[in-house]
Protein backbone atom coordinates (compact mmCIF):
# COMPACT_ATOMS: atom_id res chain seq x y z
CA UNK A 1 0.00 0.00 0.00
CA UNK A 2 2.81 2.47 0.73
CA UNK A 3 4.35 1.64 -2.69
CA UNK A 4 1.04 2.50 -4.34
CA UNK A 5 0.86 5.75 -2.41
CA UNK A 6 4.44 6.60 -3.40
CA UNK A 7 3.64 6.02 -7.07
CA UNK A 8 0.51 8.16 -6.89
CA UNK A 9 2.38 10.89 -5.01
CA UNK A 10 5.12 10.90 -7.64
CA UNK A 11 2.67 11.20 -10.54
CA UNK A 12 0.75 13.96 -8.76
CA UNK A 13 3.98 15.83 -8.01
CA UNK A 14 5.01 15.56 -11.65
CA UNK A 15 1.68 16.99 -12.73
CA UNK A 16 1.93 19.89 -10.32
CA UNK A 17 5.41 20.97 -11.41
CA UNK A 18 5.21 23.58 -14.09
CA UNK A 19 8.63 24.65 -15.27
CA UNK A 20 9.42 27.55 -17.55
CA UNK A 21 11.42 25.51 -20.05
CA UNK A 22 11.34 21.92 -21.24
CA UNK A 23 14.15 19.74 -19.95
CA UNK A 24 16.68 18.28 -22.36
CA UNK A 25 15.40 15.63 -24.71
CA UNK A 26 15.08 12.33 -22.88
CA UNK A 27 14.19 13.81 -19.51
CA UNK A 28 10.72 13.26 -18.16
CA UNK A 29 8.28 16.05 -18.91
CA UNK A 30 5.02 16.18 -17.05
CA UNK A 31 1.66 16.85 -18.66
CA UNK A 32 1.66 20.34 -17.15
CA UNK A 33 5.21 21.07 -18.35
CA UNK A 34 4.22 20.02 -21.85
CA UNK A 35 1.27 22.37 -21.71
CA UNK A 36 3.38 25.28 -20.46
CA UNK A 37 5.95 24.74 -23.21
CA UNK A 38 3.34 24.54 -25.93
CA UNK A 39 1.58 27.64 -24.65
CA UNK A 40 4.91 29.51 -24.67
CA UNK A 41 5.63 28.42 -28.25
CA UNK A 42 2.07 29.36 -29.24
CA UNK A 43 2.31 32.88 -27.80
CA UNK A 44 5.59 33.48 -29.63
CA UNK A 45 3.76 33.42 -32.96
CA UNK A 46 3.04 36.83 -34.44
CA UNK A 47 0.62 36.47 -37.39
CA UNK A 48 1.95 37.63 -40.72
CA UNK A 49 5.47 38.61 -39.61
CA UNK A 50 7.32 36.84 -42.40
CA UNK A 51 10.77 37.92 -41.20
CA UNK A 52 10.49 36.00 -37.91
CA UNK A 53 8.42 32.99 -38.95
CA UNK A 54 11.29 30.70 -39.90
CA UNK A 55 12.94 31.07 -36.49
CA UNK A 56 9.63 30.61 -34.65
CA UNK A 57 8.83 27.55 -36.74
CA UNK A 58 12.19 25.97 -35.84
CA UNK A 59 11.58 26.73 -32.17
CA UNK A 60 8.14 25.15 -32.40
CA UNK A 61 9.65 22.06 -34.05
CA UNK A 62 12.23 21.72 -31.27
CA UNK A 63 9.61 22.20 -28.56
CA UNK A 64 7.28 19.57 -29.99
CA UNK A 65 10.13 17.06 -30.44
CA UNK A 66 11.32 17.62 -26.86
CA UNK A 67 7.75 17.30 -25.56
CA UNK A 68 7.29 14.08 -27.48
CA UNK A 69 10.38 12.55 -25.87
CA UNK A 70 9.61 13.84 -22.40
CA UNK A 71 5.96 12.81 -22.42
CA UNK A 72 6.95 9.40 -23.73
CA UNK A 73 9.04 8.91 -20.58
CA UNK A 74 6.25 10.26 -18.36
CA UNK A 75 3.64 8.04 -20.01
CA UNK A 76 5.97 5.03 -19.81
CA UNK A 77 6.27 5.53 -16.04
CA UNK A 78 2.51 5.78 -15.62
CA UNK A 79 1.86 2.79 -17.87
CA UNK A 80 4.36 0.68 -15.94
CA UNK A 81 3.36 1.58 -12.39
CA UNK A 82 -0.30 2.56 -12.44
CA UNK A 83 -2.06 -0.60 -13.76
CA UNK A 84 -2.21 -2.41 -10.40
CA UNK A 85 -3.46 0.77 -8.75
CA UNK A 86 -5.99 1.92 -11.35
CA UNK A 87 -7.32 -1.43 -12.46
CA UNK A 88 -8.05 -2.63 -15.97
CA UNK A 89 -10.78 -0.20 -17.05
CA UNK A 90 -9.21 2.99 -15.71
CA UNK A 91 -5.88 1.93 -17.19
CA UNK A 92 -7.52 1.29 -20.55
CA UNK A 93 -9.04 4.78 -20.45
CA UNK A 94 -5.64 6.27 -19.57
CA UNK A 95 -3.99 4.42 -22.47
CA UNK A 96 -6.64 5.72 -24.88
CA UNK A 97 -5.87 9.28 -23.81
CA UNK A 98 -2.11 8.71 -24.05
CA UNK A 99 -2.65 7.40 -27.59
CA UNK A 100 -4.73 10.47 -28.51
CA UNK A 101 -2.09 12.84 -27.10
CA UNK A 102 0.64 10.96 -29.00
CA UNK A 103 -1.41 11.33 -32.20
CA UNK A 104 -1.70 15.06 -31.49
CA UNK A 105 2.05 15.28 -30.94
CA UNK A 106 2.66 13.49 -34.24
CA UNK A 107 0.26 15.88 -36.00
CA UNK A 108 2.04 18.85 -34.43
CA UNK A 109 5.49 17.52 -35.41
CA UNK A 110 4.33 16.89 -38.96
CA UNK A 111 2.68 20.30 -39.26
CA UNK A 112 5.66 22.15 -37.79
CA UNK A 113 8.09 20.26 -40.04
CA UNK A 114 6.15 20.04 -43.30
CA UNK A 115 4.71 23.54 -43.42
CA UNK A 116 6.71 25.67 -45.85
CA UNK A 117 6.27 29.39 -45.29
CA UNK A 118 8.99 30.75 -47.55
CA UNK A 119 7.71 32.19 -50.81
CA UNK A 120 4.08 32.35 -49.71
CA UNK A 121 1.95 35.45 -50.04
CA UNK A 122 0.92 37.16 -46.81
CA UNK A 123 -2.57 35.65 -47.12
CA UNK A 124 -1.21 32.14 -47.73
CA UNK A 125 1.17 32.56 -44.82
CA UNK A 126 -1.70 33.55 -42.53
CA UNK A 127 -3.64 30.43 -43.57
CA UNK A 128 -0.64 28.19 -42.81
CA UNK A 129 -0.07 29.93 -39.48
CA UNK A 130 -3.73 29.48 -38.61
CA UNK A 131 -3.48 25.76 -39.35
CA UNK A 132 -0.38 25.49 -37.15
CA UNK A 133 -2.11 27.38 -34.35
CA UNK A 134 -5.13 25.09 -34.55
CA UNK A 135 -2.97 21.95 -34.28
CA UNK A 136 -1.07 23.37 -31.28
CA UNK A 137 -4.28 24.59 -29.62
CA UNK A 138 -5.86 21.14 -30.00
CA UNK A 139 -2.78 19.52 -28.50
CA UNK A 140 -2.72 22.00 -25.58
CA UNK A 141 -6.38 21.32 -24.88
CA UNK A 142 -5.91 17.54 -25.00
CA UNK A 143 -2.94 17.67 -22.60
CA UNK A 144 -4.70 20.04 -20.17
CA UNK A 145 -7.91 18.03 -20.09
CA UNK A 146 -5.99 14.77 -19.66
CA UNK A 147 -3.87 16.12 -16.82
CA UNK A 148 -6.95 17.49 -15.06
CA UNK A 149 -8.89 14.21 -15.27
CA UNK A 150 -5.88 12.15 -14.25
CA UNK A 151 -5.12 14.36 -11.26
CA UNK A 152 -8.69 14.08 -9.98
CA UNK A 153 -8.52 10.27 -10.11
CA UNK A 154 -5.06 10.16 -8.54
CA UNK A 155 -5.98 12.56 -5.75
CA UNK A 156 -9.02 10.43 -4.92
CA UNK A 157 -6.85 7.30 -4.82
CA UNK A 158 -4.24 9.12 -2.78
CA UNK A 159 -6.85 10.10 -0.19
CA UNK A 160 -8.22 6.54 -0.03
CA UNK A 161 -4.75 5.09 0.47
CA UNK A 162 -3.92 7.64 3.15
CA UNK A 163 -7.15 6.75 4.98
CA UNK A 164 -6.18 3.07 4.93
CA UNK A 165 -2.80 3.67 6.53
CA UNK A 166 -2.69 2.92 10.24
CA UNK A 167 -2.36 5.92 12.51
CA UNK A 168 1.26 6.75 13.23
CA UNK A 169 0.47 8.56 16.43
C-alpha atoms as a PDB file:
ATOM      1  CA  UNK A   1       0.000   0.000   0.000  1.00  0.00           C
ATOM      2  CA  UNK A   2       2.813   2.474   0.731  1.00  0.00           C
ATOM      3  CA  UNK A   3       4.346   1.640  -2.685  1.00  0.00           C
ATOM      4  CA  UNK A   4       1.042   2.498  -4.343  1.00  0.00           C
ATOM      5  CA  UNK A   5       0.856   5.753  -2.415  1.00  0.00           C
ATOM      6  CA  UNK A   6       4.436   6.603  -3.396  1.00  0.00           C
ATOM      7  CA  UNK A   7       3.642   6.025  -7.075  1.00  0.00           C
ATOM      8  CA  UNK A   8       0.514   8.159  -6.886  1.00  0.00           C
ATOM      9  CA  UNK A   9       2.377  10.889  -5.010  1.00  0.00           C
ATOM     10  CA  UNK A  10       5.115  10.900  -7.643  1.00  0.00           C
ATOM     11  CA  UNK A  11       2.675  11.195 -10.545  1.00  0.00           C
ATOM     12  CA  UNK A  12       0.749  13.963  -8.762  1.00  0.00           C
ATOM     13  CA  UNK A  13       3.983  15.827  -8.013  1.00  0.00           C
ATOM     14  CA  UNK A  14       5.014  15.559 -11.653  1.00  0.00           C
ATOM     15  CA  UNK A  15       1.678  16.986 -12.732  1.00  0.00           C
ATOM     16  CA  UNK A  16       1.934  19.890 -10.322  1.00  0.00           C
ATOM     17  CA  UNK A  17       5.408  20.972 -11.413  1.00  0.00           C
ATOM     18  CA  UNK A  18       5.212  23.582 -14.089  1.00  0.00           C
ATOM     19  CA  UNK A  19       8.629  24.654 -15.274  1.00  0.00           C
ATOM     20  CA  UNK A  20       9.416  27.545 -17.550  1.00  0.00           C
ATOM     21  CA  UNK A  21      11.421  25.509 -20.054  1.00  0.00           C
ATOM     22  CA  UNK A  22      11.340  21.918 -21.237  1.00  0.00           C
ATOM     23  CA  UNK A  23      14.149  19.744 -19.949  1.00  0.00           C
ATOM     24  CA  UNK A  24      16.679  18.284 -22.356  1.00  0.00           C
ATOM     25  CA  UNK A  25      15.401  15.633 -24.710  1.00  0.00           C
ATOM     26  CA  UNK A  26      15.081  12.333 -22.879  1.00  0.00           C
ATOM     27  CA  UNK A  27      14.194  13.813 -19.506  1.00  0.00           C
ATOM     28  CA  UNK A  28      10.719  13.256 -18.160  1.00  0.00           C
ATOM     29  CA  UNK A  29       8.276  16.045 -18.912  1.00  0.00           C
ATOM     30  CA  UNK A  30       5.017  16.177 -17.050  1.00  0.00           C
ATOM     31  CA  UNK A  31       1.664  16.850 -18.663  1.00  0.00           C
ATOM     32  CA  UNK A  32       1.657  20.341 -17.145  1.00  0.00           C
ATOM     33  CA  UNK A  33       5.212  21.072 -18.352  1.00  0.00           C
ATOM     34  CA  UNK A  34       4.218  20.018 -21.850  1.00  0.00           C
ATOM     35  CA  UNK A  35       1.271  22.365 -21.715  1.00  0.00           C
ATOM     36  CA  UNK A  36       3.384  25.281 -20.461  1.00  0.00           C
ATOM     37  CA  UNK A  37       5.952  24.740 -23.214  1.00  0.00           C
ATOM     38  CA  UNK A  38       3.337  24.540 -25.934  1.00  0.00           C
ATOM     39  CA  UNK A  39       1.583  27.637 -24.645  1.00  0.00           C
ATOM     40  CA  UNK A  40       4.915  29.511 -24.667  1.00  0.00           C
ATOM     41  CA  UNK A  41       5.627  28.417 -28.248  1.00  0.00           C
ATOM     42  CA  UNK A  42       2.073  29.356 -29.243  1.00  0.00           C
ATOM     43  CA  UNK A  43       2.310  32.879 -27.804  1.00  0.00           C
ATOM     44  CA  UNK A  44       5.592  33.484 -29.634  1.00  0.00           C
ATOM     45  CA  UNK A  45       3.759  33.423 -32.958  1.00  0.00           C
ATOM     46  CA  UNK A  46       3.037  36.827 -34.444  1.00  0.00           C
ATOM     47  CA  UNK A  47       0.624  36.467 -37.389  1.00  0.00           C
ATOM     48  CA  UNK A  48       1.954  37.626 -40.725  1.00  0.00           C
ATOM     49  CA  UNK A  49       5.466  38.611 -39.615  1.00  0.00           C
ATOM     50  CA  UNK A  50       7.325  36.835 -42.398  1.00  0.00           C
ATOM     51  CA  UNK A  51      10.768  37.919 -41.202  1.00  0.00           C
ATOM     52  CA  UNK A  52      10.489  36.003 -37.907  1.00  0.00           C
ATOM     53  CA  UNK A  53       8.418  32.989 -38.951  1.00  0.00           C
ATOM     54  CA  UNK A  54      11.289  30.703 -39.904  1.00  0.00           C
ATOM     55  CA  UNK A  55      12.939  31.072 -36.490  1.00  0.00           C
ATOM     56  CA  UNK A  56       9.632  30.614 -34.648  1.00  0.00           C
ATOM     57  CA  UNK A  57       8.826  27.547 -36.738  1.00  0.00           C
ATOM     58  CA  UNK A  58      12.194  25.974 -35.841  1.00  0.00           C
ATOM     59  CA  UNK A  59      11.580  26.732 -32.167  1.00  0.00           C
ATOM     60  CA  UNK A  60       8.138  25.148 -32.402  1.00  0.00           C
ATOM     61  CA  UNK A  61       9.646  22.056 -34.049  1.00  0.00           C
ATOM     62  CA  UNK A  62      12.233  21.722 -31.266  1.00  0.00           C
ATOM     63  CA  UNK A  63       9.609  22.204 -28.559  1.00  0.00           C
ATOM     64  CA  UNK A  64       7.279  19.574 -29.994  1.00  0.00           C
ATOM     65  CA  UNK A  65      10.130  17.056 -30.444  1.00  0.00           C
ATOM     66  CA  UNK A  66      11.318  17.615 -26.859  1.00  0.00           C
ATOM     67  CA  UNK A  67       7.754  17.305 -25.561  1.00  0.00           C
ATOM     68  CA  UNK A  68       7.294  14.083 -27.484  1.00  0.00           C
ATOM     69  CA  UNK A  69      10.383  12.546 -25.874  1.00  0.00           C
ATOM     70  CA  UNK A  70       9.606  13.842 -22.403  1.00  0.00           C
ATOM     71  CA  UNK A  71       5.956  12.812 -22.422  1.00  0.00           C
ATOM     72  CA  UNK A  72       6.948   9.397 -23.732  1.00  0.00           C
ATOM     73  CA  UNK A  73       9.041   8.914 -20.575  1.00  0.00           C
ATOM     74  CA  UNK A  74       6.250  10.260 -18.357  1.00  0.00           C
ATOM     75  CA  UNK A  75       3.637   8.036 -20.005  1.00  0.00           C
ATOM     76  CA  UNK A  76       5.973   5.029 -19.809  1.00  0.00           C
ATOM     77  CA  UNK A  77       6.272   5.534 -16.038  1.00  0.00           C
ATOM     78  CA  UNK A  78       2.515   5.781 -15.623  1.00  0.00           C
ATOM     79  CA  UNK A  79       1.862   2.785 -17.871  1.00  0.00           C
ATOM     80  CA  UNK A  80       4.365   0.681 -15.936  1.00  0.00           C
ATOM     81  CA  UNK A  81       3.362   1.583 -12.394  1.00  0.00           C
ATOM     82  CA  UNK A  82      -0.301   2.564 -12.440  1.00  0.00           C
ATOM     83  CA  UNK A  83      -2.056  -0.602 -13.760  1.00  0.00           C
ATOM     84  CA  UNK A  84      -2.207  -2.410 -10.399  1.00  0.00           C
ATOM     85  CA  UNK A  85      -3.463   0.770  -8.748  1.00  0.00           C
ATOM     86  CA  UNK A  86      -5.995   1.919 -11.346  1.00  0.00           C
ATOM     87  CA  UNK A  87      -7.320  -1.434 -12.462  1.00  0.00           C
ATOM     88  CA  UNK A  88      -8.047  -2.627 -15.967  1.00  0.00           C
ATOM     89  CA  UNK A  89     -10.780  -0.197 -17.048  1.00  0.00           C
ATOM     90  CA  UNK A  90      -9.205   2.986 -15.712  1.00  0.00           C
ATOM     91  CA  UNK A  91      -5.885   1.934 -17.192  1.00  0.00           C
ATOM     92  CA  UNK A  92      -7.523   1.287 -20.545  1.00  0.00           C
ATOM     93  CA  UNK A  93      -9.038   4.783 -20.446  1.00  0.00           C
ATOM     94  CA  UNK A  94      -5.645   6.272 -19.574  1.00  0.00           C
ATOM     95  CA  UNK A  95      -3.995   4.417 -22.466  1.00  0.00           C
ATOM     96  CA  UNK A  96      -6.636   5.721 -24.881  1.00  0.00           C
ATOM     97  CA  UNK A  97      -5.866   9.283 -23.806  1.00  0.00           C
ATOM     98  CA  UNK A  98      -2.107   8.708 -24.053  1.00  0.00           C
ATOM     99  CA  UNK A  99      -2.651   7.404 -27.593  1.00  0.00           C
ATOM    100  CA  UNK A 100      -4.732  10.474 -28.507  1.00  0.00           C
ATOM    101  CA  UNK A 101      -2.086  12.839 -27.103  1.00  0.00           C
ATOM    102  CA  UNK A 102       0.640  10.964 -28.997  1.00  0.00           C
ATOM    103  CA  UNK A 103      -1.412  11.334 -32.201  1.00  0.00           C
ATOM    104  CA  UNK A 104      -1.702  15.062 -31.492  1.00  0.00           C
ATOM    105  CA  UNK A 105       2.051  15.276 -30.942  1.00  0.00           C
ATOM    106  CA  UNK A 106       2.656  13.493 -34.245  1.00  0.00           C
ATOM    107  CA  UNK A 107       0.259  15.882 -36.002  1.00  0.00           C
ATOM    108  CA  UNK A 108       2.041  18.855 -34.428  1.00  0.00           C
ATOM    109  CA  UNK A 109       5.485  17.524 -35.407  1.00  0.00           C
ATOM    110  CA  UNK A 110       4.329  16.888 -38.958  1.00  0.00           C
ATOM    111  CA  UNK A 111       2.680  20.303 -39.263  1.00  0.00           C
ATOM    112  CA  UNK A 112       5.665  22.154 -37.788  1.00  0.00           C
ATOM    113  CA  UNK A 113       8.095  20.265 -40.036  1.00  0.00           C
ATOM    114  CA  UNK A 114       6.151  20.041 -43.300  1.00  0.00           C
ATOM    115  CA  UNK A 115       4.713  23.545 -43.422  1.00  0.00           C
ATOM    116  CA  UNK A 116       6.715  25.666 -45.852  1.00  0.00           C
ATOM    117  CA  UNK A 117       6.272  29.389 -45.288  1.00  0.00           C
ATOM    118  CA  UNK A 118       8.985  30.754 -47.550  1.00  0.00           C
ATOM    119  CA  UNK A 119       7.706  32.192 -50.807  1.00  0.00           C
ATOM    120  CA  UNK A 120       4.078  32.348 -49.706  1.00  0.00           C
ATOM    121  CA  UNK A 121       1.952  35.449 -50.035  1.00  0.00           C
ATOM    122  CA  UNK A 122       0.921  37.155 -46.814  1.00  0.00           C
ATOM    123  CA  UNK A 123      -2.569  35.654 -47.122  1.00  0.00           C
ATOM    124  CA  UNK A 124      -1.215  32.138 -47.729  1.00  0.00           C
ATOM    125  CA  UNK A 125       1.170  32.558 -44.821  1.00  0.00           C
ATOM    126  CA  UNK A 126      -1.698  33.555 -42.531  1.00  0.00           C
ATOM    127  CA  UNK A 127      -3.637  30.434 -43.574  1.00  0.00           C
ATOM    128  CA  UNK A 128      -0.638  28.190 -42.808  1.00  0.00           C
ATOM    129  CA  UNK A 129      -0.069  29.931 -39.480  1.00  0.00           C
ATOM    130  CA  UNK A 130      -3.728  29.477 -38.611  1.00  0.00           C
ATOM    131  CA  UNK A 131      -3.478  25.763 -39.353  1.00  0.00           C
ATOM    132  CA  UNK A 132      -0.379  25.487 -37.149  1.00  0.00           C
ATOM    133  CA  UNK A 133      -2.105  27.385 -34.349  1.00  0.00           C
ATOM    134  CA  UNK A 134      -5.127  25.085 -34.547  1.00  0.00           C
ATOM    135  CA  UNK A 135      -2.973  21.950 -34.281  1.00  0.00           C
ATOM    136  CA  UNK A 136      -1.070  23.370 -31.284  1.00  0.00           C
ATOM    137  CA  UNK A 137      -4.277  24.591 -29.624  1.00  0.00           C
ATOM    138  CA  UNK A 138      -5.862  21.144 -30.002  1.00  0.00           C
ATOM    139  CA  UNK A 139      -2.778  19.525 -28.495  1.00  0.00           C
ATOM    140  CA  UNK A 140      -2.723  21.999 -25.582  1.00  0.00           C
ATOM    141  CA  UNK A 141      -6.381  21.321 -24.884  1.00  0.00           C
ATOM    142  CA  UNK A 142      -5.910  17.542 -24.996  1.00  0.00           C
ATOM    143  CA  UNK A 143      -2.944  17.672 -22.596  1.00  0.00           C
ATOM    144  CA  UNK A 144      -4.697  20.043 -20.175  1.00  0.00           C
ATOM    145  CA  UNK A 145      -7.911  18.029 -20.091  1.00  0.00           C
ATOM    146  CA  UNK A 146      -5.994  14.766 -19.664  1.00  0.00           C
ATOM    147  CA  UNK A 147      -3.874  16.124 -16.825  1.00  0.00           C
ATOM    148  CA  UNK A 148      -6.949  17.489 -15.059  1.00  0.00           C
ATOM    149  CA  UNK A 149      -8.885  14.206 -15.267  1.00  0.00           C
ATOM    150  CA  UNK A 150      -5.876  12.149 -14.251  1.00  0.00           C
ATOM    151  CA  UNK A 151      -5.120  14.361 -11.260  1.00  0.00           C
ATOM    152  CA  UNK A 152      -8.690  14.075  -9.975  1.00  0.00           C
ATOM    153  CA  UNK A 153      -8.519  10.273 -10.112  1.00  0.00           C
ATOM    154  CA  UNK A 154      -5.060  10.157  -8.542  1.00  0.00           C
ATOM    155  CA  UNK A 155      -5.978  12.559  -5.752  1.00  0.00           C
ATOM    156  CA  UNK A 156      -9.024  10.433  -4.920  1.00  0.00           C
ATOM    157  CA  UNK A 157      -6.854   7.305  -4.821  1.00  0.00           C
ATOM    158  CA  UNK A 158      -4.241   9.121  -2.781  1.00  0.00           C
ATOM    159  CA  UNK A 159      -6.854  10.097  -0.189  1.00  0.00           C
ATOM    160  CA  UNK A 160      -8.222   6.540  -0.028  1.00  0.00           C
ATOM    161  CA  UNK A 161      -4.746   5.087   0.472  1.00  0.00           C
ATOM    162  CA  UNK A 162      -3.921   7.638   3.149  1.00  0.00           C
ATOM    163  CA  UNK A 163      -7.153   6.749   4.982  1.00  0.00           C
ATOM    164  CA  UNK A 164      -6.181   3.072   4.932  1.00  0.00           C
ATOM    165  CA  UNK A 165      -2.803   3.674   6.534  1.00  0.00           C
ATOM    166  CA  UNK A 166      -2.690   2.917  10.240  1.00  0.00           C
ATOM    167  CA  UNK A 167      -2.361   5.920  12.512  1.00  0.00           C
ATOM    168  CA  UNK A 168       1.263   6.746  13.228  1.00  0.00           C
ATOM    169  CA  UNK A 169       0.466   8.564  16.433  1.00  0.00           C
END
